[in-house]
Protein backbone atom coordinates (compact mmCIF):
# COMPACT_ATOMS: atom_id res chain seq x y z
CA UNK A 1 118.41 -79.83 -39.50
CA UNK A 2 119.07 -83.51 -40.12
CA UNK A 3 122.14 -84.17 -42.24
CA UNK A 4 123.27 -87.67 -43.21
CA UNK A 5 126.59 -88.00 -45.01
CA UNK A 6 127.64 -91.13 -46.89
CA UNK A 7 131.29 -91.57 -47.78
CA UNK A 8 134.48 -93.45 -47.04
CA UNK A 9 137.36 -92.09 -44.94
CA UNK A 10 139.93 -93.09 -47.59
CA UNK A 11 137.99 -91.61 -50.52
CA UNK A 12 139.41 -88.44 -52.07
CA UNK A 13 136.03 -86.96 -52.95
CA UNK A 14 134.71 -87.82 -49.50
CA UNK A 15 137.58 -85.79 -48.06
CA UNK A 16 136.69 -82.88 -50.28
CA UNK A 17 133.24 -82.55 -48.70
CA UNK A 18 134.36 -83.51 -45.18
CA UNK A 19 136.84 -80.62 -45.23
CA UNK A 20 133.99 -78.17 -45.86
CA UNK A 21 131.81 -79.81 -43.20
CA UNK A 22 134.63 -79.60 -40.66
CA UNK A 23 135.45 -76.00 -41.63
CA UNK A 24 131.85 -75.00 -41.02
CA UNK A 25 131.44 -77.03 -37.84
CA UNK A 26 128.23 -78.62 -39.12
CA UNK A 27 126.92 -81.62 -37.20
CA UNK A 28 126.07 -84.64 -39.33
CA UNK A 29 125.49 -88.38 -39.17
CA UNK A 30 128.51 -89.93 -40.89
CA UNK A 31 127.62 -93.26 -42.48
CA UNK A 32 130.75 -94.94 -43.79
CA UNK A 33 130.29 -97.15 -46.84
CA UNK A 34 133.24 -99.32 -45.85
CA UNK A 35 132.37 -103.05 -46.04
CA UNK A 36 132.45 -103.07 -42.24
CA UNK A 37 129.08 -101.26 -42.42
CA UNK A 38 127.11 -103.34 -44.96
CA UNK A 39 123.80 -101.52 -44.45
CA UNK A 40 125.06 -98.12 -45.57
CA UNK A 41 125.66 -98.69 -49.29
CA UNK A 42 122.11 -99.98 -49.90
CA UNK A 43 120.85 -96.85 -48.12
CA UNK A 44 123.00 -94.69 -50.39
CA UNK A 45 121.76 -96.48 -53.52
CA UNK A 46 118.17 -95.92 -52.43
CA UNK A 47 118.89 -92.18 -52.74
CA UNK A 48 121.27 -92.32 -55.74
CA UNK A 49 121.12 -95.55 -57.78
CA UNK A 50 124.50 -94.84 -59.41
CA UNK A 51 125.99 -95.68 -56.01
CA UNK A 52 128.75 -93.06 -56.07
CA UNK A 53 129.78 -91.20 -52.98
CA UNK A 54 129.97 -88.79 -51.25
CA UNK A 55 126.27 -88.22 -50.84
CA UNK A 56 124.54 -85.77 -48.50
CA UNK A 57 120.93 -86.22 -47.44
CA UNK A 58 119.24 -83.20 -45.86
CA UNK A 59 115.76 -83.80 -44.45
CA UNK A 60 115.26 -86.61 -46.96
CA UNK A 61 116.57 -84.77 -50.04
CA UNK A 62 119.79 -86.20 -51.54
CA UNK A 63 122.62 -84.06 -52.89
CA UNK A 64 125.49 -85.61 -54.81
CA UNK A 65 128.63 -84.51 -56.68
CA UNK A 66 131.18 -83.01 -54.32
CA UNK A 67 131.25 -79.44 -55.66
CA UNK A 68 127.45 -79.25 -55.62
CA UNK A 69 127.34 -80.57 -52.05
CA UNK A 70 129.80 -77.90 -50.92
CA UNK A 71 127.78 -75.19 -52.64
CA UNK A 72 124.70 -76.51 -50.85
CA UNK A 73 126.59 -76.38 -47.54
CA UNK A 74 127.31 -72.70 -48.21
CA UNK A 75 123.54 -72.23 -48.45
CA UNK A 76 122.93 -74.06 -45.15
CA UNK A 77 125.81 -72.49 -43.22
CA UNK A 78 127.19 -69.41 -45.02
CA UNK A 79 130.24 -68.97 -42.79
CA UNK A 80 132.99 -69.62 -43.48
CA UNK A 81 132.11 -69.25 -47.12
CA UNK A 82 133.60 -71.79 -49.52
CA UNK A 83 132.53 -69.95 -52.69
CA UNK A 84 132.89 -66.15 -52.68
CA UNK A 85 129.86 -64.04 -53.54
CA UNK A 86 131.85 -61.78 -55.86
CA UNK A 87 131.46 -63.07 -59.43
CA UNK A 88 135.11 -62.91 -60.50
CA UNK A 89 136.36 -64.36 -57.21
CA UNK A 90 133.81 -67.18 -57.40
CA UNK A 91 134.80 -67.91 -60.99
CA UNK A 92 138.48 -68.15 -59.98
CA UNK A 93 137.62 -70.54 -57.14
CA UNK A 94 135.45 -72.70 -59.38
CA UNK A 95 138.16 -72.76 -62.05
CA UNK A 96 140.71 -74.13 -59.61
CA UNK A 97 138.14 -76.60 -58.28
CA UNK A 98 137.77 -78.01 -61.79
CA UNK A 99 141.54 -78.01 -62.36
CA UNK A 100 142.15 -80.03 -59.20
CA UNK A 101 139.28 -82.46 -59.84
CA UNK A 102 139.86 -83.05 -63.54
CA UNK A 103 143.56 -82.51 -64.12
CA UNK A 104 145.04 -83.70 -60.81
CA UNK A 105 142.50 -86.05 -59.22
CA UNK A 106 141.37 -87.47 -62.54
CA UNK A 107 144.90 -88.25 -63.74
CA UNK A 108 145.86 -89.71 -60.37
CA UNK A 109 142.79 -91.94 -60.38
CA UNK A 110 143.65 -93.23 -63.86
CA UNK A 111 146.97 -94.55 -62.53
CA UNK A 112 145.27 -96.05 -59.47
CA UNK A 113 142.60 -97.67 -61.66
CA UNK A 114 145.34 -99.28 -63.73
CA UNK A 115 146.86 -100.75 -60.57
CA UNK A 116 143.45 -102.07 -59.50
CA UNK A 117 143.08 -103.87 -62.85
CA UNK A 118 146.18 -105.87 -61.97
CA UNK A 119 149.28 -106.80 -63.98
CA UNK A 120 147.37 -108.96 -66.45
CA UNK A 121 145.31 -105.95 -67.53
CA UNK A 122 147.95 -103.27 -67.14
CA UNK A 123 147.81 -100.57 -69.87
CA UNK A 124 151.21 -98.84 -69.80
CA UNK A 125 150.19 -96.03 -72.15
CA UNK A 126 147.44 -94.91 -69.76
CA UNK A 127 149.90 -94.74 -66.87
CA UNK A 128 152.55 -92.96 -68.94
CA UNK A 129 150.10 -90.41 -70.33
CA UNK A 130 148.57 -89.77 -66.93
CA UNK A 131 151.93 -89.16 -65.29
CA UNK A 132 153.00 -86.88 -68.13
CA UNK A 133 149.75 -84.93 -67.68
CA UNK A 134 150.47 -84.63 -63.95
CA UNK A 135 153.91 -83.22 -64.74
CA UNK A 136 152.26 -80.62 -66.97
CA UNK A 137 149.64 -79.57 -64.43
CA UNK A 138 152.19 -79.53 -61.59
CA UNK A 139 154.18 -76.99 -63.55
CA UNK A 140 151.12 -74.92 -64.34
CA UNK A 141 149.96 -74.90 -60.71
CA UNK A 142 153.41 -73.94 -59.49
CA UNK A 143 153.16 -70.82 -61.60
CA UNK A 144 149.50 -69.99 -61.03
CA UNK A 145 148.84 -70.62 -57.32
CA UNK A 146 148.46 -67.62 -55.05
CA UNK A 147 151.66 -67.00 -53.08
CA UNK A 148 152.04 -68.13 -49.49
CA UNK A 149 148.41 -68.94 -48.75
CA UNK A 150 145.62 -70.85 -50.41
CA UNK A 151 144.86 -71.70 -54.02
CA UNK A 152 143.41 -68.29 -54.83
CA UNK A 153 143.74 -64.88 -53.17
CA UNK A 154 140.20 -65.23 -51.79
CA UNK A 155 140.88 -67.26 -48.64
CA UNK A 156 140.30 -70.93 -47.88
CA UNK A 157 137.68 -72.09 -50.36
CA UNK A 158 136.13 -74.82 -52.46
CA UNK A 159 139.37 -74.81 -54.47
CA UNK A 160 141.38 -75.86 -51.41
CA UNK A 161 138.81 -78.52 -50.49
CA UNK A 162 139.48 -80.01 -53.94
CA UNK A 163 143.24 -79.44 -53.81
CA UNK A 164 143.90 -81.25 -50.54
CA UNK A 165 142.88 -84.81 -51.47
CA UNK A 166 143.98 -84.50 -55.10
CA UNK A 167 147.51 -83.33 -54.25
CA UNK A 168 147.73 -85.72 -51.28
CA UNK A 169 147.15 -88.80 -53.44
CA UNK A 170 148.71 -87.48 -56.66
CA UNK A 171 152.03 -87.00 -54.88
CA UNK A 172 151.84 -90.63 -53.80
CA UNK A 173 151.22 -91.75 -57.39
CA UNK A 174 153.68 -89.40 -59.09
CA UNK A 175 155.72 -87.23 -56.69
CA UNK A 176 155.75 -83.48 -57.25
CA UNK A 177 159.26 -82.59 -58.48
CA UNK A 178 161.54 -80.75 -56.07
CA UNK A 179 161.76 -77.85 -58.51
CA UNK A 180 158.12 -76.96 -57.94
CA UNK A 181 158.76 -75.44 -54.53
CA UNK A 182 155.60 -73.32 -54.50
CA UNK A 183 153.34 -76.30 -55.17
CA UNK A 184 155.15 -78.50 -52.66
CA UNK A 185 154.85 -75.79 -49.99
CA UNK A 186 151.15 -75.41 -50.76
CA UNK A 187 150.59 -79.15 -50.34
CA UNK A 188 152.40 -79.01 -46.98
CA UNK A 189 150.23 -76.08 -45.83
CA UNK A 190 147.12 -77.98 -46.81
CA UNK A 191 148.12 -81.09 -44.86
CA UNK A 192 148.87 -78.98 -41.78
CA UNK A 193 145.44 -77.28 -41.86
CA UNK A 194 143.23 -78.68 -39.04
CA UNK A 195 140.23 -79.81 -41.10
CA UNK A 196 142.53 -81.52 -43.60
CA UNK A 197 144.87 -83.12 -41.07
CA UNK A 198 141.73 -84.55 -39.44
CA UNK A 199 140.81 -86.24 -42.74
CA UNK A 200 144.34 -87.59 -43.11
CA UNK A 201 144.23 -89.06 -39.61
CA UNK A 202 140.77 -90.58 -40.06
CA UNK A 203 141.99 -92.29 -43.23
CA UNK A 204 145.14 -93.83 -41.71
CA UNK A 205 143.52 -97.15 -40.75
CA UNK A 206 142.62 -97.72 -44.42
CA UNK A 207 146.01 -97.13 -46.06
CA UNK A 208 146.33 -100.81 -46.88
CA UNK A 209 143.56 -100.20 -49.43
CA UNK A 210 145.89 -98.14 -51.63
CA UNK A 211 146.64 -100.47 -54.57
CA UNK A 212 150.10 -99.04 -55.28
CA UNK A 213 151.17 -99.34 -51.64
CA UNK A 214 150.90 -96.29 -49.41
CA UNK A 215 154.27 -94.59 -48.91
CA UNK A 216 155.60 -94.29 -45.38
CA UNK A 217 155.00 -90.55 -45.09
CA UNK A 218 152.29 -87.93 -44.67
């Protein structure tokens, strides 16, 4: 089995797939698309002209979109399973995956994108609306997360792969309020988990890339 993985160590969606790869102990050729490796992005675009990452290539066949890649990894290496086989359990996991991608990661990225545009193109309403939306979803998650473990009652899953990078960066952009103790404790458990702490450590050299200035924590 020849697996080539294209991504960037500081990329949230790259983390999402790396966490699953590390959980499963799958060997792969990691090709960073950082500018230090100029040959890798043209290779990626040859497989996926849109140029987005992460991208997995298995025996010449490309797979893109992080949730789809993780589902494909479950096919290649079923244990540990990232998506339960039971229909209702799988639906719960997929629901939280979409919540973390769309309502946490997406809102966080809107604030980051505004910072990347620079002060001359700053759109305050986008930032204000995105932070207000994060406040709303933080409150919802604090009430809906499974107690004392992972996102759902079904063990470490696709949902947690999505949660880790989204909550990591969202808390940098708009800190989770102290009152949401359950959500804050969940974020701390995620960052202490070996596959996730490995991603955090691998990304440390790139923290200067964060356009809002990486906080001196985590």
